[in-house]
Amino acid sequence: MEPSTIKEKVAQIESQRGVLMQLLEQPDLGTLRIDVNQALEELDELIEEFKRTFPEERMGS
């Protein structure tokens, strides 16, 4: 897979992070809060790994 393709896919995934943040704001989330937190952590790790792997391909640059 080309780095530009990976960059596009990571950007798409990163753009969905806000949806997870909105879910955390829901007072009736219950035990799903654990899963949402885990998803956010894994998403953040994915983005950081991408930035380490392709430092010249930083998001928003």
C-alpha atoms as a PDB file:
ATOM      1  CA  MET A   1       0.000   0.000   0.000  1.00  0.00           C
ATOM      2  CA  GLU A   2       1.301   3.438  -0.921  1.00  0.00           C
ATOM      3  CA  PRO A   3       2.053   5.930   1.872  1.00  0.00           C
ATOM      4  CA  SER A   4      -0.428   8.390   0.349  1.00  0.00           C
ATOM      5  CA  THR A   5      -3.182   5.765   0.555  1.00  0.00           C
ATOM      6  CA  ILE A   6      -2.315   5.029   4.159  1.00  0.00           C
ATOM      7  CA  LYS A   7      -2.317   8.768   4.914  1.00  0.00           C
ATOM      8  CA  GLU A   8      -5.820   9.102   3.427  1.00  0.00           C
ATOM      9  CA  LYS A   9      -7.155   6.158   5.413  1.00  0.00           C
ATOM     10  CA  VAL A  10      -5.613   7.379   8.677  1.00  0.00           C
ATOM     11  CA  ALA A  11      -7.082  10.851   8.011  1.00  0.00           C
ATOM     12  CA  GLN A  12     -10.528   9.272   7.507  1.00  0.00           C
ATOM     13  CA  ILE A  13     -10.189   7.338  10.743  1.00  0.00           C
ATOM     14  CA  GLU A  14      -8.916  10.386  12.622  1.00  0.00           C
ATOM     15  CA  SER A  15     -11.870  12.429  11.384  1.00  0.00           C
ATOM     16  CA  GLN A  16     -14.199   9.979  13.143  1.00  0.00           C
ATOM     17  CA  ARG A  17     -12.519  10.494  16.533  1.00  0.00           C
ATOM     18  CA  GLY A  18     -15.032  13.224  17.333  1.00  0.00           C
ATOM     19  CA  VAL A  19     -17.866  10.709  17.185  1.00  0.00           C
ATOM     20  CA  LEU A  20     -16.233   8.696  19.957  1.00  0.00           C
ATOM     21  CA  MET A  21     -15.711  11.861  21.997  1.00  0.00           C
ATOM     22  CA  GLN A  22     -19.419  12.695  21.611  1.00  0.00           C
ATOM     23  CA  LEU A  23     -20.313   9.220  22.838  1.00  0.00           C
ATOM     24  CA  LEU A  24     -18.280   9.782  26.000  1.00  0.00           C
ATOM     25  CA  GLU A  25     -20.436  12.819  26.731  1.00  0.00           C
ATOM     26  CA  GLN A  26     -23.581  10.680  26.847  1.00  0.00           C
ATOM     27  CA  PRO A  27     -24.678  10.272  30.481  1.00  0.00           C
ATOM     28  CA  ASP A  28     -26.482   6.984  29.807  1.00  0.00           C
ATOM     29  CA  LEU A  29     -23.529   5.191  28.178  1.00  0.00           C
ATOM     30  CA  GLY A  30     -23.091   2.785  31.078  1.00  0.00           C
ATOM     31  CA  THR A  31     -20.543   0.029  30.661  1.00  0.00           C
ATOM     32  CA  LEU A  32     -20.064   0.908  26.984  1.00  0.00           C
ATOM     33  CA  ARG A  33     -17.944   3.805  28.255  1.00  0.00           C
ATOM     34  CA  ILE A  34     -15.117   1.292  28.789  1.00  0.00           C
ATOM     35  CA  ASP A  35     -15.285   0.199  25.140  1.00  0.00           C
ATOM     36  CA  VAL A  36     -15.420   3.773  23.880  1.00  0.00           C
ATOM     37  CA  ASN A  37     -12.399   4.694  25.995  1.00  0.00           C
ATOM     38  CA  GLN A  38     -10.525   1.665  24.648  1.00  0.00           C
ATOM     39  CA  ALA A  39     -11.401   2.626  21.075  1.00  0.00           C
ATOM     40  CA  LEU A  40     -10.098   6.151  21.663  1.00  0.00           C
ATOM     41  CA  GLU A  41      -6.859   4.853  23.149  1.00  0.00           C
ATOM     42  CA  GLU A  42      -6.298   2.499  20.237  1.00  0.00           C
ATOM     43  CA  LEU A  43      -7.140   5.203  17.723  1.00  0.00           C
ATOM     44  CA  ASP A  44      -4.663   7.581  19.350  1.00  0.00           C
ATOM     45  CA  GLU A  45      -1.996   4.854  19.303  1.00  0.00           C
ATOM     46  CA  LEU A  46      -2.649   4.212  15.611  1.00  0.00           C
ATOM     47  CA  ILE A  47      -2.283   7.905  14.792  1.00  0.00           C
ATOM     48  CA  GLU A  48       0.936   8.213  16.827  1.00  0.00           C
ATOM     49  CA  GLU A  49       2.383   5.110  15.174  1.00  0.00           C
ATOM     50  CA  PHE A  50       1.546   6.561  11.771  1.00  0.00           C
ATOM     51  CA  LYS A  51       3.303   9.819  12.673  1.00  0.00           C
ATOM     52  CA  ARG A  52       6.396   7.922  13.838  1.00  0.00           C
ATOM     53  CA  THR A  53       6.430   5.775  10.711  1.00  0.00           C
ATOM     54  CA  PHE A  54       5.788   8.627   8.256  1.00  0.00           C
ATOM     55  CA  PRO A  55       7.093  11.751  10.037  1.00  0.00           C
ATOM     56  CA  GLU A  56       7.054  13.799   6.821  1.00  0.00           C
ATOM     57  CA  GLU A  57       3.419  12.859   6.256  1.00  0.00           C
ATOM     58  CA  ARG A  58       2.070  14.611   9.372  1.00  0.00           C
ATOM     59  CA  MET A  59      -1.653  15.158   9.515  1.00  0.00           C
ATOM     60  CA  GLY A  60      -2.706  18.672   8.665  1.00  0.00           C
ATOM     61  CA  SER A  61       0.563  19.456   6.847  1.00  0.00           C
END
